């Protein structure tokens, strides 16, 4: 139960930091960063209808060296 509370607390803190646009580095694991996303064009796979995708932000993860091997 204590571990569950600790993990939930960690994830909540990470969500808040990413919402503020902050970079999160977990040594030995990797880095989470918020990057701008350009405007784009998407397509509904069921109907084939073209849809505009507005610009926004996306989260990127870069694994650390330990995870890349």
Protein backbone atom coordinates (compact mmCIF):
# COMPACT_ATOMS: atom_id res chain seq x y z
CA UNK A 1 0.00 0.00 0.00
CA UNK A 2 2.83 2.42 0.82
CA UNK A 3 4.49 1.71 -2.52
CA UNK A 4 1.24 2.42 -4.38
CA UNK A 5 0.89 5.79 -2.65
CA UNK A 6 4.52 6.64 -3.41
CA UNK A 7 4.16 5.75 -7.10
CA UNK A 8 0.90 7.70 -7.44
CA UNK A 9 2.54 10.70 -5.77
CA UNK A 10 5.53 10.48 -8.13
CA UNK A 11 3.31 10.26 -11.23
CA UNK A 12 1.21 13.21 -10.04
CA UNK A 13 4.35 15.33 -9.54
CA UNK A 14 5.60 14.31 -13.00
CA UNK A 15 2.27 15.25 -14.61
CA UNK A 16 2.32 18.68 -12.99
CA UNK A 17 5.93 19.30 -14.05
CA UNK A 18 5.19 18.30 -17.65
CA UNK A 19 2.09 20.53 -17.71
CA UNK A 20 4.40 23.42 -16.76
CA UNK A 21 6.69 22.45 -19.65
CA UNK A 22 9.52 21.29 -17.40
CA UNK A 23 12.10 18.65 -18.35
CA UNK A 24 12.17 15.52 -16.15
CA UNK A 25 15.40 13.53 -15.90
CA UNK A 26 15.42 10.14 -14.19
CA UNK A 27 19.10 9.21 -13.95
CA UNK A 28 19.86 5.79 -15.33
CA UNK A 29 16.43 5.64 -16.99
CA UNK A 30 15.85 8.56 -19.36
CA UNK A 31 14.46 12.04 -19.93
CA UNK A 32 10.91 13.28 -20.54
CA UNK A 33 10.57 16.61 -22.39
CA UNK A 34 7.64 18.63 -23.72
CA UNK A 35 8.05 19.54 -27.40
CA UNK A 36 5.90 21.71 -29.63
CA UNK A 37 3.86 19.85 -32.23
CA UNK A 38 3.22 21.43 -35.63
CA UNK A 39 -0.19 21.74 -37.20
CA UNK A 40 -1.02 18.74 -39.33
CA UNK A 41 -3.59 16.91 -41.38
CA UNK A 42 -5.06 13.62 -40.22
CA UNK A 43 -7.49 11.14 -41.66
CA UNK A 44 -10.31 9.24 -39.99
CA UNK A 45 -9.45 5.57 -40.66
CA UNK A 46 -13.12 4.52 -40.79
CA UNK A 47 -14.51 7.22 -43.05
CA UNK A 48 -11.39 8.52 -44.80
CA UNK A 49 -12.47 12.05 -43.88
CA UNK A 50 -9.60 14.56 -43.71
CA UNK A 51 -9.24 16.35 -40.38
CA UNK A 52 -7.07 19.30 -39.36
CA UNK A 53 -4.88 18.64 -36.34
CA UNK A 54 -4.18 21.88 -34.43
CA UNK A 55 -0.69 22.72 -33.19
CA UNK A 56 -0.01 21.73 -29.62
CA UNK A 57 2.48 20.05 -27.34
CA UNK A 58 3.61 16.46 -27.07
CA UNK A 59 5.74 14.53 -24.60
CA UNK A 60 8.91 12.84 -25.83
CA UNK A 61 10.96 10.25 -23.96
CA UNK A 62 14.66 9.74 -24.61
CA UNK A 63 15.96 6.56 -22.97
CA UNK A 64 19.22 6.67 -21.04
CA UNK A 65 22.31 4.77 -22.15
CA UNK A 66 21.50 1.93 -19.75
CA UNK A 67 18.19 1.25 -21.52
CA UNK A 68 19.56 1.55 -25.04
CA UNK A 69 21.86 -1.49 -24.86
